[in-house]
Amino acid sequence: MSSHHNNQKKIAVIGDFTGFGRCSLTVSLPVISAMGIQCCPVPTSIFSNHTAYPSYFFDDYTEKMEAYLEEWKKLGLTFSGICTGFLGSRQQIAIVARFLQDFRGSDTIVTLDPVLGDDGRPYATCTPELCRDMSALVPYADLLTPNLTEACILTNTPCRKSWHMAEIEEMARKLIARGPSRVVITGIP
């Protein structure tokens, strides 16, 4: 079903909604909208504030995601871009993989931000299984934007504090070999 809904450029942004902390959907929505592109959020969870604070409220949205996305299928939506951020469970990763299969068109640009860790260690929510499953999304990406810790996790490279640029470039090459045409490793000291 193709409809008038697809006349405007749209980017689907899959990630958490964090009330305080200048991250996630609360940042994506105004930036993408200011560019004149419709930002279509897919919430994976709701946080009162990001997890760097000592306490936070967390509501997992996994059980609602498939019904939410089914409505987009009924509308026949297409997207110029799809961006992923925080995915809080292996089930969410599987839902996102199906979403990419269903909604990615030949001209859709997919940006994957594999939110897995920082400062040399995985986030508390990132189990070894979740990290492995996140790695399975890498081939879907046109642009992959891991930070240095996440690049280490995705390439099974031990994290450390000191790096030579050639070592970081080698991690990027390993990730590109898995599918993305571009890899930007952020957070390099």
N, C-alpha and C. Protein backbone atom coordinates (compact mmCIF):
# COMPACT_ATOMS: atom_id res chain seq x y z
N MET A 1 0.85 -1.17 0.00
CA MET A 1 0.00 0.00 0.00
C MET A 1 0.89 1.24 0.00
N SER A 2 0.83 2.00 -1.04
CA SER A 2 1.58 3.26 -1.09
C SER A 2 0.58 4.39 -0.93
N SER A 3 0.98 5.41 -0.22
CA SER A 3 0.01 6.46 0.05
C SER A 3 0.69 7.81 0.13
N HIS A 4 -0.14 8.82 0.35
CA HIS A 4 0.35 10.19 0.49
C HIS A 4 1.25 10.35 1.71
N HIS A 5 1.25 9.38 2.62
CA HIS A 5 2.11 9.44 3.80
C HIS A 5 3.59 9.45 3.41
N ASN A 6 3.88 9.01 2.20
CA ASN A 6 5.28 8.87 1.80
C ASN A 6 5.77 10.01 0.94
N ASN A 7 5.05 11.12 0.88
CA ASN A 7 5.49 12.27 0.09
C ASN A 7 6.59 13.06 0.77
N GLN A 8 6.66 13.03 2.08
CA GLN A 8 7.67 13.78 2.83
C GLN A 8 8.80 12.84 3.26
N LYS A 9 10.04 13.37 3.26
CA LYS A 9 11.16 12.57 3.77
C LYS A 9 10.94 12.29 5.25
N LYS A 10 11.21 11.02 5.61
CA LYS A 10 11.03 10.58 6.98
C LYS A 10 12.24 9.76 7.42
N ILE A 11 12.59 9.90 8.69
CA ILE A 11 13.61 9.06 9.29
C ILE A 11 12.99 8.37 10.50
N ALA A 12 13.05 7.05 10.52
CA ALA A 12 12.63 6.30 11.69
C ALA A 12 13.80 6.26 12.66
N VAL A 13 13.57 6.68 13.90
CA VAL A 13 14.62 6.68 14.91
C VAL A 13 14.19 5.73 16.03
N ILE A 14 14.95 4.65 16.17
CA ILE A 14 14.63 3.59 17.12
C ILE A 14 15.56 3.74 18.32
N GLY A 15 14.97 4.01 19.49
CA GLY A 15 15.81 4.15 20.67
C GLY A 15 14.99 4.54 21.88
N ASP A 16 15.70 4.82 22.96
CA ASP A 16 15.02 5.15 24.21
C ASP A 16 14.60 6.62 24.25
N PHE A 17 13.63 6.89 25.09
CA PHE A 17 13.20 8.25 25.38
C PHE A 17 13.67 8.54 26.79
N THR A 18 14.62 9.47 26.92
CA THR A 18 15.19 9.82 28.21
C THR A 18 14.81 11.24 28.56
N GLY A 19 14.12 11.40 29.68
CA GLY A 19 13.59 12.71 30.06
C GLY A 19 14.64 13.74 30.41
N PHE A 20 15.75 13.32 31.03
CA PHE A 20 16.79 14.25 31.42
C PHE A 20 18.15 13.66 31.07
N GLY A 21 18.97 14.45 30.39
CA GLY A 21 20.31 13.97 30.10
C GLY A 21 20.80 14.26 28.69
N ARG A 22 20.01 14.96 27.90
CA ARG A 22 20.41 15.35 26.54
C ARG A 22 20.93 14.18 25.71
N CYS A 23 20.08 13.20 25.53
CA CYS A 23 20.46 12.04 24.72
C CYS A 23 19.21 11.43 24.11
N SER A 24 19.41 10.47 23.28
CA SER A 24 18.37 9.62 22.73
C SER A 24 17.33 10.38 21.90
N LEU A 25 16.09 9.91 21.95
CA LEU A 25 15.03 10.51 21.13
C LEU A 25 14.79 11.98 21.43
N THR A 26 15.06 12.40 22.67
CA THR A 26 14.82 13.81 23.02
C THR A 26 15.78 14.74 22.27
N VAL A 27 16.90 14.22 21.80
CA VAL A 27 17.83 14.99 20.98
C VAL A 27 17.51 14.82 19.49
N SER A 28 17.23 13.60 19.09
CA SER A 28 16.96 13.31 17.67
C SER A 28 15.76 14.05 17.12
N LEU A 29 14.67 14.06 17.89
CA LEU A 29 13.43 14.69 17.41
C LEU A 29 13.62 16.14 16.96
N PRO A 30 14.14 17.03 17.79
CA PRO A 30 14.25 18.42 17.35
C PRO A 30 15.29 18.63 16.25
N VAL A 31 16.38 17.89 16.29
CA VAL A 31 17.43 18.08 15.28
C VAL A 31 16.93 17.65 13.90
N ILE A 32 16.36 16.48 13.82
CA ILE A 32 15.86 15.98 12.53
C ILE A 32 14.72 16.86 12.03
N SER A 33 13.83 17.26 12.92
CA SER A 33 12.72 18.15 12.54
C SER A 33 13.22 19.49 12.03
N ALA A 34 14.25 20.03 12.66
CA ALA A 34 14.81 21.33 12.22
C ALA A 34 15.40 21.23 10.82
N MET A 35 15.77 20.03 10.40
CA MET A 35 16.30 19.82 9.05
C MET A 35 15.18 19.71 8.01
N GLY A 36 13.92 19.80 8.47
CA GLY A 36 12.79 19.71 7.55
C GLY A 36 12.41 18.28 7.21
N ILE A 37 12.87 17.34 8.02
CA ILE A 37 12.58 15.93 7.81
C ILE A 37 11.70 15.46 8.96
N GLN A 38 10.70 14.63 8.66
CA GLN A 38 9.84 14.13 9.72
C GLN A 38 10.57 13.05 10.50
N CYS A 39 10.69 13.24 11.81
CA CYS A 39 11.30 12.25 12.69
C CYS A 39 10.20 11.35 13.22
N CYS A 40 10.32 10.06 12.95
CA CYS A 40 9.32 9.08 13.38
C CYS A 40 9.94 8.19 14.45
N PRO A 41 9.68 8.49 15.73
CA PRO A 41 10.33 7.74 16.80
C PRO A 41 9.71 6.37 17.04
N VAL A 42 10.57 5.42 17.37
CA VAL A 42 10.16 4.10 17.82
C VAL A 42 10.79 3.91 19.20
N PRO A 43 10.01 4.14 20.27
CA PRO A 43 10.59 4.03 21.60
C PRO A 43 10.87 2.57 21.99
N THR A 44 12.07 2.35 22.50
CA THR A 44 12.45 1.03 23.00
C THR A 44 12.28 0.95 24.51
N SER A 45 12.35 2.11 25.15
CA SER A 45 12.20 2.19 26.60
C SER A 45 12.06 3.65 27.00
N ILE A 46 11.63 3.85 28.22
CA ILE A 46 11.51 5.20 28.78
C ILE A 46 12.41 5.26 30.02
N PHE A 47 13.25 6.28 30.05
CA PHE A 47 14.10 6.53 31.22
C PHE A 47 13.77 7.91 31.77
N SER A 48 13.80 8.06 33.09
CA SER A 48 13.63 9.38 33.69
C SER A 48 14.86 10.23 33.40
N ASN A 49 16.02 9.62 33.42
CA ASN A 49 17.32 10.25 33.15
C ASN A 49 18.25 9.14 32.70
N HIS A 50 19.38 9.51 32.10
CA HIS A 50 20.23 8.43 31.59
C HIS A 50 20.94 7.70 32.73
N THR A 51 21.50 6.56 32.38
CA THR A 51 21.98 5.61 33.38
C THR A 51 23.32 5.98 34.00
N ALA A 52 23.92 7.09 33.62
CA ALA A 52 25.15 7.53 34.28
C ALA A 52 24.86 8.10 35.66
N TYR A 53 23.59 8.43 35.92
CA TYR A 53 23.20 8.92 37.25
C TYR A 53 23.02 7.73 38.19
N PRO A 54 23.15 7.95 39.50
CA PRO A 54 23.08 6.83 40.45
C PRO A 54 21.74 6.10 40.48
N SER A 55 20.65 6.77 40.14
CA SER A 55 19.36 6.08 40.08
C SER A 55 18.56 6.66 38.92
N TYR A 56 17.60 5.87 38.47
CA TYR A 56 16.76 6.28 37.35
C TYR A 56 15.52 5.39 37.29
N PHE A 57 14.46 5.92 36.68
CA PHE A 57 13.26 5.15 36.39
C PHE A 57 13.45 4.54 35.00
N PHE A 58 13.02 3.30 34.82
CA PHE A 58 13.16 2.60 33.54
C PHE A 58 11.88 1.83 33.25
N ASP A 59 11.34 2.01 32.06
CA ASP A 59 10.18 1.25 31.61
C ASP A 59 10.51 0.64 30.26
N ASP A 60 10.53 -0.67 30.19
CA ASP A 60 10.86 -1.42 28.97
C ASP A 60 9.64 -1.41 28.03
N TYR A 61 9.86 -1.08 26.77
CA TYR A 61 8.77 -0.96 25.80
C TYR A 61 8.70 -2.16 24.85
N THR A 62 9.46 -3.21 25.11
CA THR A 62 9.55 -4.36 24.20
C THR A 62 8.19 -4.92 23.82
N GLU A 63 7.32 -5.12 24.80
CA GLU A 63 6.03 -5.78 24.54
C GLU A 63 5.13 -4.96 23.63
N LYS A 64 5.39 -3.68 23.50
CA LYS A 64 4.54 -2.81 22.68
C LYS A 64 5.11 -2.55 21.28
N MET A 65 6.39 -2.85 21.09
CA MET A 65 7.06 -2.46 19.85
C MET A 65 6.46 -3.11 18.59
N GLU A 66 6.17 -4.39 18.64
CA GLU A 66 5.67 -5.07 17.43
C GLU A 66 4.30 -4.53 17.01
N ALA A 67 3.39 -4.33 17.96
CA ALA A 67 2.07 -3.77 17.63
C ALA A 67 2.21 -2.35 17.09
N TYR A 68 3.11 -1.59 17.66
CA TYR A 68 3.39 -0.21 17.22
C TYR A 68 3.85 -0.22 15.76
N LEU A 69 4.81 -1.08 15.46
CA LEU A 69 5.37 -1.14 14.10
C LEU A 69 4.39 -1.75 13.10
N GLU A 70 3.51 -2.61 13.57
CA GLU A 70 2.49 -3.20 12.68
C GLU A 70 1.59 -2.12 12.10
N GLU A 71 1.30 -1.09 12.89
CA GLU A 71 0.48 0.02 12.39
C GLU A 71 1.20 0.76 11.27
N TRP A 72 2.52 0.88 11.34
CA TRP A 72 3.28 1.52 10.26
C TRP A 72 3.22 0.68 8.99
N LYS A 73 3.24 -0.64 9.16
CA LYS A 73 3.10 -1.52 7.99
C LYS A 73 1.75 -1.29 7.31
N LYS A 74 0.69 -1.19 8.12
CA LYS A 74 -0.65 -0.95 7.57
C LYS A 74 -0.70 0.35 6.78
N LEU A 75 0.05 1.36 7.22
CA LEU A 75 0.09 2.64 6.52
C LEU A 75 0.97 2.61 5.28
N GLY A 76 1.77 1.55 5.14
CA GLY A 76 2.67 1.45 4.00
C GLY A 76 3.80 2.47 4.03
N LEU A 77 4.26 2.81 5.22
CA LEU A 77 5.28 3.84 5.34
C LEU A 77 6.61 3.40 4.73
N THR A 78 7.31 4.37 4.17
CA THR A 78 8.68 4.17 3.70
C THR A 78 9.54 5.24 4.35
N PHE A 79 10.84 4.98 4.45
CA PHE A 79 11.73 5.88 5.15
C PHE A 79 12.97 6.19 4.32
N SER A 80 13.38 7.45 4.35
CA SER A 80 14.64 7.86 3.73
C SER A 80 15.82 7.37 4.55
N GLY A 81 15.60 7.30 5.86
CA GLY A 81 16.65 6.84 6.76
C GLY A 81 16.06 6.11 7.94
N ILE A 82 16.88 5.24 8.51
CA ILE A 82 16.53 4.53 9.73
C ILE A 82 17.76 4.62 10.63
N CYS A 83 17.55 5.09 11.86
CA CYS A 83 18.63 5.19 12.84
C CYS A 83 18.27 4.36 14.06
N THR A 84 19.23 3.62 14.57
CA THR A 84 19.00 2.87 15.79
C THR A 84 19.91 3.38 16.90
N GLY A 85 19.42 3.30 18.11
CA GLY A 85 20.18 3.67 19.30
C GLY A 85 20.04 2.58 20.34
N PHE A 86 19.67 2.97 21.56
CA PHE A 86 19.60 2.03 22.67
C PHE A 86 18.57 0.93 22.42
N LEU A 87 19.04 -0.31 22.49
CA LEU A 87 18.18 -1.49 22.45
C LEU A 87 18.46 -2.26 23.73
N GLY A 88 17.43 -2.46 24.52
CA GLY A 88 17.63 -2.97 25.86
C GLY A 88 17.51 -4.47 26.04
N SER A 89 17.25 -5.21 24.96
CA SER A 89 17.11 -6.66 25.13
C SER A 89 17.38 -7.35 23.81
N ARG A 90 17.64 -8.64 23.92
CA ARG A 90 17.85 -9.46 22.72
C ARG A 90 16.58 -9.47 21.87
N GLN A 91 15.42 -9.47 22.52
CA GLN A 91 14.15 -9.47 21.79
C GLN A 91 14.01 -8.18 20.97
N GLN A 92 14.43 -7.04 21.54
CA GLN A 92 14.37 -5.79 20.79
C GLN A 92 15.29 -5.82 19.57
N ILE A 93 16.44 -6.44 19.70
CA ILE A 93 17.36 -6.56 18.57
C ILE A 93 16.69 -7.36 17.45
N ALA A 94 16.00 -8.44 17.80
CA ALA A 94 15.29 -9.25 16.80
C ALA A 94 14.17 -8.44 16.15
N ILE A 95 13.46 -7.64 16.94
CA ILE A 95 12.39 -6.79 16.39
C ILE A 95 12.98 -5.77 15.42
N VAL A 96 14.11 -5.19 15.77
CA VAL A 96 14.76 -4.21 14.89
C VAL A 96 15.26 -4.87 13.61
N ALA A 97 15.79 -6.07 13.70
CA ALA A 97 16.23 -6.78 12.49
C ALA A 97 15.05 -6.98 11.54
N ARG A 98 13.90 -7.39 12.08
CA ARG A 98 12.70 -7.55 11.23
C ARG A 98 12.25 -6.21 10.67
N PHE A 99 12.32 -5.15 11.50
CA PHE A 99 11.95 -3.82 11.03
C PHE A 99 12.82 -3.40 9.85
N LEU A 100 14.12 -3.64 9.95
CA LEU A 100 15.03 -3.29 8.86
C LEU A 100 14.71 -4.09 7.60
N GLN A 101 14.38 -5.35 7.75
CA GLN A 101 14.00 -6.17 6.60
C GLN A 101 12.71 -5.68 5.96
N ASP A 102 11.74 -5.27 6.79
CA ASP A 102 10.43 -4.85 6.30
C ASP A 102 10.41 -3.42 5.73
N PHE A 103 11.17 -2.52 6.33
CA PHE A 103 11.04 -1.10 5.99
C PHE A 103 12.21 -0.51 5.21
N ARG A 104 13.29 -1.20 5.09
CA ARG A 104 14.43 -0.66 4.36
C ARG A 104 14.18 -0.76 2.87
N GLY A 105 14.15 0.40 2.22
CA GLY A 105 14.01 0.43 0.77
C GLY A 105 15.38 0.52 0.12
N SER A 106 15.40 0.51 -1.19
CA SER A 106 16.68 0.54 -1.91
C SER A 106 17.43 1.86 -1.68
N ASP A 107 16.72 2.94 -1.36
CA ASP A 107 17.36 4.23 -1.12
C ASP A 107 17.44 4.60 0.36
N THR A 108 17.04 3.70 1.25
CA THR A 108 17.05 3.98 2.68
C THR A 108 18.47 3.87 3.22
N ILE A 109 18.89 4.88 3.97
CA ILE A 109 20.20 4.86 4.62
C ILE A 109 20.00 4.43 6.07
N VAL A 110 20.72 3.39 6.48
CA VAL A 110 20.61 2.85 7.84
C VAL A 110 21.85 3.23 8.64
N THR A 111 21.61 3.92 9.75
CA THR A 111 22.68 4.28 10.68
C THR A 111 22.46 3.50 11.97
N LEU A 112 23.47 2.74 12.36
CA LEU A 112 23.39 1.92 13.56
C LEU A 112 24.37 2.47 14.60
N ASP A 113 23.81 2.92 15.72
CA ASP A 113 24.62 3.31 16.88
C ASP A 113 24.47 2.19 17.90
N PRO A 114 25.46 1.31 17.99
CA PRO A 114 25.34 0.15 18.87
C PRO A 114 25.62 0.53 20.33
N VAL A 115 24.61 0.97 21.03
CA VAL A 115 24.76 1.46 22.40
C VAL A 115 25.03 0.25 23.30
N LEU A 116 26.32 0.05 23.63
CA LEU A 116 26.72 -1.13 24.39
C LEU A 116 27.57 -0.83 25.62
N GLY A 117 28.31 0.28 25.60
CA GLY A 117 29.19 0.55 26.73
C GLY A 117 29.98 1.81 26.54
N ASP A 118 30.82 2.10 27.52
CA ASP A 118 31.66 3.29 27.48
C ASP A 118 32.77 3.13 28.52
N ASP A 119 33.79 3.91 28.39
CA ASP A 119 34.90 3.89 29.36
C ASP A 119 35.49 2.50 29.56
N GLY A 120 35.54 1.72 28.48
CA GLY A 120 36.19 0.41 28.53
C GLY A 120 35.37 -0.74 29.07
N ARG A 121 34.08 -0.53 29.33
CA ARG A 121 33.27 -1.63 29.84
C ARG A 121 31.82 -1.52 29.34
N PRO A 122 31.17 -2.67 29.24
CA PRO A 122 29.77 -2.66 28.81
C PRO A 122 28.88 -2.00 29.85
N TYR A 123 27.76 -1.42 29.39
CA TYR A 123 26.76 -0.91 30.32
C TYR A 123 26.16 -2.08 31.10
N ALA A 124 25.59 -1.78 32.25
CA ALA A 124 25.01 -2.81 33.11
C ALA A 124 23.92 -3.61 32.39
N THR A 125 23.22 -2.98 31.46
CA THR A 125 22.13 -3.64 30.74
C THR A 125 22.63 -4.55 29.62
N CYS A 126 23.93 -4.51 29.32
CA CYS A 126 24.47 -5.24 28.16
C CYS A 126 25.13 -6.55 28.58
N THR A 127 24.38 -7.61 28.46
CA THR A 127 24.90 -8.95 28.74
C THR A 127 25.75 -9.41 27.56
N PRO A 128 26.58 -10.43 27.76
CA PRO A 128 27.34 -10.97 26.62
C PRO A 128 26.43 -11.40 25.47
N GLU A 129 25.26 -11.94 25.80
CA GLU A 129 24.31 -12.36 24.75
C GLU A 129 23.77 -11.16 23.98
N LEU A 130 23.45 -10.08 24.69
CA LEU A 130 22.96 -8.88 24.02
C LEU A 130 24.04 -8.30 23.11
N CYS A 131 25.28 -8.30 23.57
CA CYS A 131 26.40 -7.80 22.75
C CYS A 131 26.55 -8.65 21.49
N ARG A 132 26.45 -9.96 21.63
CA ARG A 132 26.56 -10.86 20.47
C ARG A 132 25.42 -10.60 19.48
N ASP A 133 24.20 -10.46 19.99
CA ASP A 133 23.07 -10.22 19.10
C ASP A 133 23.15 -8.86 18.44
N MET A 134 23.64 -7.84 19.16
CA MET A 134 23.82 -6.52 18.55
C MET A 134 24.79 -6.61 17.39
N SER A 135 25.79 -7.44 17.53
CA SER A 135 26.77 -7.64 16.47
C SER A 135 26.10 -8.14 15.18
N ALA A 136 25.00 -8.89 15.34
CA ALA A 136 24.27 -9.40 14.17
C ALA A 136 23.59 -8.30 13.37
N LEU A 137 23.39 -7.11 13.97
CA LEU A 137 22.79 -5.98 13.24
C LEU A 137 23.81 -5.23 12.38
N VAL A 138 25.10 -5.42 12.64
CA VAL A 138 26.15 -4.68 11.92
C VAL A 138 26.00 -4.78 10.40
N PRO A 139 25.73 -5.95 9.83
CA PRO A 139 25.62 -6.02 8.36
C PRO A 139 24.49 -5.18 7.76
N TYR A 140 23.50 -4.80 8.55
CA TYR A 140 22.40 -3.98 8.06
C TYR A 140 22.79 -2.51 7.89
N ALA A 141 23.86 -2.09 8.54
CA ALA A 141 24.22 -0.67 8.60
C ALA A 141 24.90 -0.19 7.33
N ASP A 142 24.52 1.01 6.89
CA ASP A 142 25.30 1.73 5.91
C ASP A 142 26.38 2.53 6.63
N LEU A 143 25.99 3.08 7.78
CA LEU A 143 26.89 3.84 8.64
C LEU A 143 26.81 3.26 10.04
N LEU A 144 27.95 2.88 10.58
CA LEU A 144 28.05 2.32 11.93
C LEU A 144 28.82 3.32 12.78
N THR A 145 28.27 3.70 13.95
CA THR A 145 28.89 4.74 14.77
C THR A 145 29.16 4.27 16.20
N PRO A 146 30.00 3.26 16.38
CA PRO A 146 30.32 2.84 17.75
C PRO A 146 31.31 3.80 18.39
N ASN A 147 31.24 3.92 19.72
CA ASN A 147 32.35 4.58 20.40
C ASN A 147 33.47 3.55 20.50
N LEU A 148 34.60 3.95 21.06
CA LEU A 148 35.77 3.07 21.12
C LEU A 148 35.47 1.78 21.89
N THR A 149 34.77 1.88 23.01
CA THR A 149 34.41 0.70 23.79
C THR A 149 33.52 -0.23 22.97
N GLU A 150 32.54 0.34 22.30
CA GLU A 150 31.61 -0.47 21.50
C GLU A 150 32.31 -1.13 20.32
N ALA A 151 33.28 -0.43 19.71
CA ALA A 151 34.07 -1.03 18.62
C ALA A 151 34.85 -2.22 19.15
N CYS A 152 35.40 -2.10 20.36
CA CYS A 152 36.11 -3.22 20.98
C CYS A 152 35.17 -4.40 21.19
N ILE A 153 33.98 -4.12 21.72
CA ILE A 153 33.01 -5.19 21.98
C ILE A 153 32.62 -5.88 20.67
N LEU A 154 32.35 -5.10 19.63
CA LEU A 154 31.89 -5.67 18.36
C LEU A 154 32.98 -6.44 17.61
N THR A 155 34.25 -6.14 17.90
CA THR A 155 35.35 -6.84 17.22
C THR A 155 36.09 -7.81 18.15
N ASN A 156 35.55 -8.00 19.35
CA ASN A 156 36.20 -8.88 20.35
C ASN A 156 37.65 -8.46 20.61
N THR A 157 37.86 -7.17 20.70
CA THR A 157 39.18 -6.61 20.99
C THR A 157 39.20 -6.17 22.45
N PRO A 158 40.21 -6.60 23.22
CA PRO A 158 40.27 -6.14 24.62
C PRO A 158 40.35 -4.61 24.70
N CYS A 159 39.55 -4.02 25.58
CA CYS A 159 39.57 -2.57 25.78
C CYS A 159 40.75 -2.19 26.65
N ARG A 160 41.33 -1.04 26.35
CA ARG A 160 42.41 -0.50 27.17
C ARG A 160 42.41 1.01 27.05
N LYS A 161 43.27 1.67 27.76
CA LYS A 161 43.27 3.14 27.78
C LYS A 161 44.11 3.76 26.68
N SER A 162 45.16 3.08 26.24
CA SER A 162 46.09 3.66 25.26
C SER A 162 45.98 2.93 23.92
N TRP A 163 45.91 3.71 22.84
CA TRP A 163 45.74 3.14 21.51
C TRP A 163 46.65 3.83 20.51
N HIS A 164 47.07 3.08 19.50
CA HIS A 164 47.70 3.67 18.32
C HIS A 164 46.60 3.80 17.27
N MET A 165 46.66 4.85 16.49
CA MET A 165 45.61 5.07 15.49
C MET A 165 45.50 3.88 14.54
N ALA A 166 46.58 3.23 14.21
CA ALA A 166 46.54 2.07 13.31
C ALA A 166 45.68 0.94 13.90
N GLU A 167 45.69 0.78 15.23
CA GLU A 167 44.87 -0.25 15.86
C GLU A 167 43.38 0.08 15.76
N ILE A 168 43.06 1.34 15.91
CA ILE A 168 41.66 1.77 15.79
C ILE A 168 41.20 1.63 14.34
N GLU A 169 42.07 2.00 13.41
CA GLU A 169 41.74 1.84 11.99
C GLU A 169 41.53 0.37 11.64
N GLU A 170 42.30 -0.52 12.25
CA GLU A 170 42.13 -1.95 12.00
C GLU A 170 40.76 -2.43 12.50
N MET A 171 40.33 -1.93 13.67
CA MET A 171 38.98 -2.28 14.15
C MET A 171 37.93 -1.79 13.16
N ALA A 172 38.08 -0.57 12.64
CA ALA A 172 37.14 -0.04 11.65
C ALA A 172 37.12 -0.92 10.41
N ARG A 173 38.29 -1.36 9.96
CA ARG A 173 38.34 -2.23 8.77
C ARG A 173 37.61 -3.56 9.04
N LYS A 174 37.78 -4.11 10.24
CA LYS A 174 37.09 -5.35 10.59
C LYS A 174 35.57 -5.16 10.54
N LEU A 175 35.12 -4.00 11.02
CA LEU A 175 33.67 -3.73 11.01
C LEU A 175 33.16 -3.50 9.59
N ILE A 176 33.91 -2.78 8.79
CA ILE A 176 33.52 -2.56 7.38
C ILE A 176 33.43 -3.88 6.64
N ALA A 177 34.32 -4.81 6.94
CA ALA A 177 34.30 -6.12 6.28
C ALA A 177 33.01 -6.88 6.56
N ARG A 178 32.28 -6.47 7.60
CA ARG A 178 31.03 -7.15 7.96
C ARG A 178 29.81 -6.50 7.32
N GLY A 179 30.01 -5.43 6.51
CA GLY A 179 28.86 -4.89 5.80
C GLY A 179 28.74 -3.40 5.66
N PRO A 180 28.96 -2.62 6.73
CA PRO A 180 28.77 -1.17 6.59
C PRO A 180 29.77 -0.57 5.60
N SER A 181 29.30 0.40 4.82
CA SER A 181 30.24 1.07 3.91
C SER A 181 31.04 2.14 4.63
N ARG A 182 30.53 2.60 5.78
CA ARG A 182 31.22 3.62 6.57
C ARG A 182 31.16 3.26 8.05
N VAL A 183 32.28 3.47 8.73
CA VAL A 183 32.36 3.29 10.17
C VAL A 183 33.02 4.52 10.76
N VAL A 184 32.37 5.11 11.75
CA VAL A 184 32.92 6.24 12.47
C VAL A 184 33.04 5.82 13.93
N ILE A 185 34.28 5.65 14.40
CA ILE A 185 34.51 5.30 15.79
C ILE A 185 34.67 6.59 16.57
N THR A 186 33.81 6.78 17.55
CA THR A 186 33.81 8.02 18.34
C THR A 186 34.48 7.79 19.69
N GLY A 187 34.70 8.88 20.41
CA GLY A 187 35.25 8.78 21.77
C GLY A 187 36.70 8.35 21.82
N ILE A 188 37.46 8.69 20.79
CA ILE A 188 38.88 8.32 20.77
C ILE A 188 39.65 9.34 21.60
N PRO A 189 40.43 8.87 22.60
CA PRO A 189 41.16 9.83 23.45
C PRO A 189 42.25 10.56 22.68
